C-alpha atoms as a PDB file:
ATOM      1  CA  MET A   1      -2.316  -9.647  12.031  1.00  0.00           C
ATOM      2  CA  LYS A   2       0.927  -7.878  11.290  1.00  0.00           C
ATOM      3  CA  ASN A   3       4.324  -9.500  11.436  1.00  0.00           C
ATOM      4  CA  THR A   4       6.525  -7.813  14.013  1.00  0.00           C
ATOM      5  CA  ASP A   5       9.529 -10.138  13.824  1.00  0.00           C
ATOM      6  CA  PRO A   6      12.799  -8.325  13.072  1.00  0.00           C
ATOM      7  CA  PRO A   7      14.350  -8.888   9.612  1.00  0.00           C
ATOM      8  CA  HIS A   8      16.574 -11.917   9.112  1.00  0.00           C
ATOM      9  CA  PRO A   9      19.709 -11.434  11.282  1.00  0.00           C
ATOM     10  CA  LYS A  10      22.219 -12.392   8.566  1.00  0.00           C
ATOM     11  CA  LEU A  11      21.009  -9.680   6.177  1.00  0.00           C
ATOM     12  CA  LYS A  12      21.511  -5.951   6.259  1.00  0.00           C
ATOM     13  CA  ALA A  13      18.142  -4.329   6.926  1.00  0.00           C
ATOM     14  CA  VAL A  14      17.087  -1.238   5.042  1.00  0.00           C
ATOM     15  CA  LYS A  15      17.315   1.777   7.322  1.00  0.00           C
ATOM     16  CA  MET A  16      13.850   3.313   7.360  1.00  0.00           C
ATOM     17  CA  THR A  17      14.510   7.041   7.349  1.00  0.00           C
ATOM     18  CA  PRO A  18      11.657   9.480   6.655  1.00  0.00           C
ATOM     19  CA  GLU A  19      13.033   9.907   3.114  1.00  0.00           C
ATOM     20  CA  VAL A  20      13.105   6.142   2.506  1.00  0.00           C
ATOM     21  CA  SER A  21       9.546   5.861   3.838  1.00  0.00           C
ATOM     22  CA  LYS A  22       8.400   8.635   1.479  1.00  0.00           C
ATOM     23  CA  PHE A  23      10.099   6.871  -1.440  1.00  0.00           C
ATOM     24  CA  ILE A  24       8.427   3.557  -0.597  1.00  0.00           C
ATOM     25  CA  GLU A  25       5.004   5.153  -0.112  1.00  0.00           C
ATOM     26  CA  GLY A  26       5.379   7.184  -3.308  1.00  0.00           C
ATOM     27  CA  MET A  27       6.231   4.063  -5.283  1.00  0.00           C
ATOM     28  CA  GLY A  28       3.211   2.345  -3.752  1.00  0.00           C
ATOM     29  CA  LEU A  29       0.944   5.138  -4.985  1.00  0.00           C
ATOM     30  CA  TYR A  30       2.625   5.212  -8.403  1.00  0.00           C
ATOM     31  CA  PHE A  31       2.161   1.492  -8.955  1.00  0.00           C
ATOM     32  CA  GLU A  32      -1.389   1.631  -7.611  1.00  0.00           C
ATOM     33  CA  ASN A  33      -2.149   4.141 -10.388  1.00  0.00           C
ATOM     34  CA  GLN A  34      -0.644   1.614 -12.848  1.00  0.00           C
ATOM     35  CA  GLY A  35      -3.043  -1.124 -11.713  1.00  0.00           C
ATOM     36  CA  VAL A  36      -0.717  -2.860  -9.241  1.00  0.00           C
ATOM     37  CA  PRO A  37      -1.890  -3.083  -5.616  1.00  0.00           C
ATOM     38  CA  ARG A  38      -0.279  -0.399  -3.484  1.00  0.00           C
ATOM     39  CA  ILE A  39       1.483  -2.993  -1.323  1.00  0.00           C
ATOM     40  CA  GLY A  40       2.993  -4.478  -4.503  1.00  0.00           C
ATOM     41  CA  GLY A  41       4.514  -1.097  -5.343  1.00  0.00           C
ATOM     42  CA  ARG A  42       5.808  -0.724  -1.806  1.00  0.00           C
ATOM     43  CA  ILE A  43       7.401  -4.185  -1.989  1.00  0.00           C
ATOM     44  CA  LEU A  44       9.060  -3.308  -5.310  1.00  0.00           C
ATOM     45  CA  ALA A  45      10.410  -0.085  -3.844  1.00  0.00           C
ATOM     46  CA  LEU A  46      11.797  -1.894  -0.809  1.00  0.00           C
ATOM     47  CA  LEU A  47      13.478  -4.550  -2.954  1.00  0.00           C
ATOM     48  CA  MET A  48      14.919  -1.881  -5.266  1.00  0.00           C
ATOM     49  CA  ILE A  49      16.805  -0.285  -2.385  1.00  0.00           C
ATOM     50  CA  SER A  50      17.618  -3.427  -0.440  1.00  0.00           C
ATOM     51  CA  HIS A  51      21.272  -4.446  -0.403  1.00  0.00           C
ATOM     52  CA  ASP A  52      20.362  -8.096   0.148  1.00  0.00           C
ATOM     53  CA  PRO A  53      17.509 -10.395  -0.829  1.00  0.00           C
ATOM     54  CA  LEU A  54      14.639 -10.310   1.664  1.00  0.00           C
ATOM     55  CA  SER A  55      12.254 -13.022   2.846  1.00  0.00           C
ATOM     56  CA  ALA A  56       8.507 -12.451   2.884  1.00  0.00           C
ATOM     57  CA  GLU A  57       8.786 -12.243   6.661  1.00  0.00           C
ATOM     58  CA  ASP A  58      11.459  -9.551   6.357  1.00  0.00           C
ATOM     59  CA  VAL A  59       9.283  -7.549   3.967  1.00  0.00           C
ATOM     60  CA  ALA A  60       6.230  -7.878   6.221  1.00  0.00           C
ATOM     61  CA  SER A  61       8.259  -6.741   9.230  1.00  0.00           C
ATOM     62  CA  ILE A  62       9.913  -3.788   7.509  1.00  0.00           C
ATOM     63  CA  LEU A  63       6.729  -2.544   5.806  1.00  0.00           C
ATOM     64  CA  LYS A  64       4.547  -3.383   8.830  1.00  0.00           C
ATOM     65  CA  VAL A  65       2.002  -5.330   6.779  1.00  0.00           C
ATOM     66  CA  SER A  66       0.537  -8.818   7.002  1.00  0.00           C
ATOM     67  CA  ARG A  67       2.521 -11.811   5.803  1.00  0.00           C
ATOM     68  CA  GLY A  68      -0.491 -12.935   3.724  1.00  0.00           C
ATOM     69  CA  SER A  69      -0.585  -9.635   1.837  1.00  0.00           C
ATOM     70  CA  VAL A  70       3.140  -9.923   1.135  1.00  0.00           C
ATOM     71  CA  SER A  71       2.753 -13.516  -0.117  1.00  0.00           C
ATOM     72  CA  THR A  72      -0.110 -12.596  -2.450  1.00  0.00           C
ATOM     73  CA  ASN A  73       1.816  -9.669  -3.920  1.00  0.00           C
ATOM     74  CA  MET A  74       5.101 -11.595  -4.166  1.00  0.00           C
ATOM     75  CA  ARG A  75       3.308 -14.201  -6.263  1.00  0.00           C
ATOM     76  CA  MET A  76       2.053 -11.510  -8.638  1.00  0.00           C
ATOM     77  CA  LEU A  77       5.438  -9.766  -8.779  1.00  0.00           C
ATOM     78  CA  THR A  78       7.310 -13.010  -9.508  1.00  0.00           C
ATOM     79  CA  GLU A  79       4.797 -13.941 -12.227  1.00  0.00           C
ATOM     80  CA  THR A  80       5.437 -10.593 -13.928  1.00  0.00           C
ATOM     81  CA  ARG A  81       9.202 -11.145 -13.492  1.00  0.00           C
ATOM     82  CA  LEU A  82       9.738  -7.899 -11.602  1.00  0.00           C
ATOM     83  CA  VAL A  83      10.878  -9.903  -8.579  1.00  0.00           C
ATOM     84  CA  GLU A  84      12.690 -13.225  -8.461  1.00  0.00           C
ATOM     85  CA  LYS A  85      13.072 -15.910  -5.851  1.00  0.00           C
ATOM     86  CA  VAL A  86      16.573 -16.647  -4.597  1.00  0.00           C
ATOM     87  CA  SER A  87      18.018 -19.026  -2.064  1.00  0.00           C
ATOM     88  CA  LEU A  88      20.846 -18.463   0.340  1.00  0.00           C
ATOM     89  CA  PRO A  89      23.320 -21.206   1.302  1.00  0.00           C
ATOM     90  CA  GLY A  90      22.226 -23.037   4.431  1.00  0.00           C
ATOM     91  CA  GLU A  91      18.785 -21.371   4.478  1.00  0.00           C
ATOM     92  CA  ARG A  92      15.436 -23.088   3.971  1.00  0.00           C
ATOM     93  CA  THR A  93      13.619 -19.767   3.658  1.00  0.00           C
ATOM     94  CA  THR A  94      12.818 -18.356   0.228  1.00  0.00           C
ATOM     95  CA  PHE A  95      14.194 -14.881  -0.386  1.00  0.00           C
ATOM     96  CA  PHE A  96      13.237 -12.302  -3.003  1.00  0.00           C
ATOM     97  CA  GLU A  97      15.098  -9.607  -4.896  1.00  0.00           C
ATOM     98  CA  PHE A  98      14.369  -6.998  -7.526  1.00  0.00           C
ATOM     99  CA  THR A  99      15.104  -8.597 -10.903  1.00  0.00           C
ATOM    100  CA  GLU A 100      17.978  -7.060 -12.872  1.00  0.00           C
ATOM    101  CA  SER A 101      15.752  -7.153 -15.971  1.00  0.00           C
ATOM    102  CA  ALA A 102      12.697  -5.655 -14.215  1.00  0.00           C
ATOM    103  CA  LEU A 103      12.891  -2.374 -16.102  1.00  0.00           C
ATOM    104  CA  GLU A 104      13.037  -4.237 -19.407  1.00  0.00           C
ATOM    105  CA  GLN A 105      10.104  -6.391 -18.303  1.00  0.00           C
ATOM    106  CA  THR A 106       7.920  -3.303 -17.908  1.00  0.00           C
ATOM    107  CA  ILE A 107       8.554  -2.352 -21.537  1.00  0.00           C
ATOM    108  CA  VAL A 108       8.045  -5.935 -22.738  1.00  0.00           C
ATOM    109  CA  ALA A 109       4.714  -6.022 -20.870  1.00  0.00           C
ATOM    110  CA  ARG A 110       3.630  -2.804 -22.596  1.00  0.00           C
ATOM    111  CA  ILE A 111       4.593  -4.177 -25.997  1.00  0.00           C
ATOM    112  CA  GLN A 112       2.633  -7.371 -25.320  1.00  0.00           C
ATOM    113  CA  SER A 113      -0.368  -5.426 -24.035  1.00  0.00           C
ATOM    114  CA  SER A 114      -0.313  -3.176 -27.108  1.00  0.00           C
ATOM    115  CA  MET A 115      -0.111  -6.201 -29.400  1.00  0.00           C
ATOM    116  CA  ILE A 116      -3.156  -7.758 -27.715  1.00  0.00           C
ATOM    117  CA  PHE A 117      -5.040  -4.479 -28.109  1.00  0.00           C
ATOM    118  CA  ARG A 118      -3.998  -4.356 -31.785  1.00  0.00           C
ATOM    119  CA  LYS A 119      -5.407  -7.855 -32.422  1.00  0.00           C
ATOM    120  CA  LEU A 120      -8.674  -6.896 -30.752  1.00  0.00           C
ATOM    121  CA  VAL A 121      -8.945  -3.775 -32.885  1.00  0.00           C
ATOM    122  CA  ASP A 122      -8.228  -5.874 -35.998  1.00  0.00           C
ATOM    123  CA  ARG A 123     -11.151  -8.133 -35.031  1.00  0.00           C
ATOM    124  CA  GLY A 124     -13.397  -5.122 -34.591  1.00  0.00           C
ATOM    125  CA  LEU A 125     -12.341  -3.757 -37.955  1.00  0.00           C
ATOM    126  CA  ALA A 126     -13.031  -7.122 -39.623  1.00  0.00           C
ATOM    127  CA  ALA A 127     -16.500  -7.177 -38.031  1.00  0.00           C
ATOM    128  CA  LEU A 128     -17.518  -3.850 -39.592  1.00  0.00           C
ATOM    129  CA  THR A 129     -18.568  -3.317 -43.164  1.00  0.00           C
ATOM    130  CA  SER A 130     -16.352  -1.170 -45.367  1.00  0.00           C
ATOM    131  CA  GLU A 131     -18.997   1.587 -45.345  1.00  0.00           C
ATOM    132  CA  ASP A 132     -19.353   1.718 -41.565  1.00  0.00           C
ATOM    133  CA  PHE A 133     -18.550   5.163 -40.181  1.00  0.00           C
ATOM    134  CA  ALA A 134     -16.912   3.708 -37.041  1.00  0.00           C
ATOM    135  CA  ARG A 135     -14.091   2.138 -39.097  1.00  0.00           C
ATOM    136  CA  HIS A 136     -12.104   5.382 -38.987  1.00  0.00           C
ATOM    137  CA  ARG A 137     -11.855   5.129 -35.164  1.00  0.00           C
ATOM    138  CA  LEU A 138     -10.507   1.598 -35.373  1.00  0.00           C
ATOM    139  CA  GLU A 139      -8.112   2.518 -38.199  1.00  0.00           C
ATOM    140  CA  ARG A 140      -6.783   5.380 -36.053  1.00  0.00           C
ATOM    141  CA  ALA A 141      -6.448   2.977 -33.117  1.00  0.00           C
ATOM    142  CA  ILE A 142      -4.337   0.669 -35.315  1.00  0.00           C
ATOM    143  CA  VAL A 143      -2.030   3.509 -36.376  1.00  0.00           C
ATOM    144  CA  TRP A 144      -1.729   4.644 -32.730  1.00  0.00           C
ATOM    145  CA  THR A 145      -1.055   1.133 -31.461  1.00  0.00           C
ATOM    146  CA  ASP A 146       1.560   0.470 -34.148  1.00  0.00           C
ATOM    147  CA  LEU A 147       3.278   3.711 -33.165  1.00  0.00           C
ATOM    148  CA  LEU A 148       3.265   2.637 -29.491  1.00  0.00           C
ATOM    149  CA  ILE A 149       4.664  -0.800 -30.313  1.00  0.00           C
ATOM    150  CA  ASP A 150       7.422   0.705 -32.460  1.00  0.00           C
ATOM    151  CA  THR A 151       8.244   3.310 -29.793  1.00  0.00           C
ATOM    152  CA  PHE A 152       8.371   0.751 -26.981  1.00  0.00           C
ATOM    153  CA  GLN A 153      10.468  -1.608 -29.111  1.00  0.00           C
ATOM    154  CA  LYS A 154      12.919   1.185 -29.957  1.00  0.00           C
ATOM    155  CA  ALA A 155      13.159   2.133 -26.272  1.00  0.00           C
ATOM    156  CA  LEU A 156      13.844  -1.516 -25.390  1.00  0.00           C
ATOM    157  CA  ASP A 157      16.469  -1.845 -28.124  1.00  0.00           C
ATOM    158  CA  ASP A 158      18.159   1.421 -27.066  1.00  0.00           C
ATOM    159  CA  TRP A 159      18.142   0.324 -23.424  1.00  0.00           C
ATOM    160  CA  GLN A 160      19.731  -3.023 -24.266  1.00  0.00           C
ATOM    161  CA  VAL A 161      22.450  -1.368 -26.367  1.00  0.00           C
ATOM    162  CA  GLN A 162      23.150   1.074 -23.538  1.00  0.00           C
ATOM    163  CA  GLN A 163      23.358  -1.739 -20.984  1.00  0.00           C
ATOM    164  CA  ARG A 164      25.704  -3.802 -23.189  1.00  0.00           C
ATOM    165  CA  SER A 165      27.913  -0.743 -23.617  1.00  0.00           C
ATOM    166  CA  ARG A 166      28.038  -0.186 -19.841  1.00  0.00           C
ATOM    167  CA  THR A 167      28.853  -3.853 -19.275  1.00  0.00           C
ATOM    168  CA  GLU A 168      31.625  -3.771 -21.885  1.00  0.00           C
ATOM    169  CA  LYS A 169      33.111  -0.650 -20.255  1.00  0.00           C
ATOM    170  CA  LYS A 170      33.096  -2.351 -16.848  1.00  0.00           C
ATOM    171  CA  ILE A 171      34.755  -5.446 -18.324  1.00  0.00           C
ATOM    172  CA  HIS A 172      37.341  -3.291 -20.129  1.00  0.00           C
ATOM    173  CA  ASN A 173      38.093  -1.274 -16.979  1.00  0.00           C
ATOM    174  CA  THR A 174      38.418  -4.430 -14.892  1.00  0.00           C
ATOM    175  CA  SER A 175      40.660  -6.175 -17.429  1.00  0.00           C
ATOM    176  CA  SER A 176      42.804  -3.027 -17.819  1.00  0.00           C
ATOM    177  CA  LYS A 177      43.394  -3.002 -14.065  1.00  0.00           C
ATOM    178  CA  LEU A 178      44.237  -6.700 -14.102  1.00  0.00           C
ATOM    179  CA  ILE A 179      46.782  -6.181 -16.898  1.00  0.00           C
ATOM    180  CA  GLU A 180      48.225  -3.038 -15.316  1.00  0.00           C
ATOM    181  CA  VAL A 181      49.154  -4.709 -12.006  1.00  0.00           C
ATOM    182  CA  PRO A 182      51.368  -7.488 -13.506  1.00  0.00           C
ATOM    183  CA  TYR A 183      52.877  -4.946 -15.929  1.00  0.00           C
ATOM    184  CA  ARG A 184      53.925  -2.648 -13.064  1.00  0.00           C
ATOM    185  CA  ALA A 185      55.211  -5.626 -11.099  1.00  0.00           C
ATOM    186  CA  ALA A 186      57.226  -6.825 -14.103  1.00  0.00           C
ATOM    187  CA  LYS A 187      58.731  -3.349 -14.644  1.00  0.00           C
ATOM    188  CA  SER A 188      59.958  -3.295 -11.063  1.00  0.00           C
ATOM    189  CA  LEU A 189      61.921  -6.536 -11.468  1.00  0.00           C
ATOM    190  CA  PRO A 190      65.645  -6.188 -12.078  1.00  0.00           C
ATOM    191  CA  GLN A 191      66.528  -6.442 -15.750  1.00  0.00           C
ATOM    192  CA  LYS A 192      69.015  -9.084 -16.950  1.00  0.00           C
ATOM    193  CA  THR A 193      71.889  -7.763 -19.027  1.00  0.00           C
END
């Protein structure tokens, strides 16, 4: 059964243009290829472009899918920290939004996955004798995995530096404007002689 209730009246609904629909469907297919259910990718896409947090009912209504499917995928998306629960004043309903750190979380997940793979390869290497021909494959897998971990970690570090720099610029621009207004106001006051 599909939920046909309109989105929550206090929130701005996402306008479903053909372009927005293509974006949402494309993200669904992309994430499906990454091992996430297609509906999970569609939910992520919707939350990425939503101006306000959305309830599971809102998501079901907008995407025209069952509430149960939304709940199942929301659970998975919150566990992976791509989506977070939020509450709104005076509301008993749980709302969801795309996590500000979601992009970082995808890199962290890849680092963790690569580290697990590395440990498994280490076990395989330890299980083989030093003369075993297959050791070279596992040794190559270790070099490859270490390269991936280093590359992902560098990307994460670079991203965090870039984000801090953007935040500092915003803070500087905001504080400059705050200082500028009183300065102009003070200059316009009559000077005592």
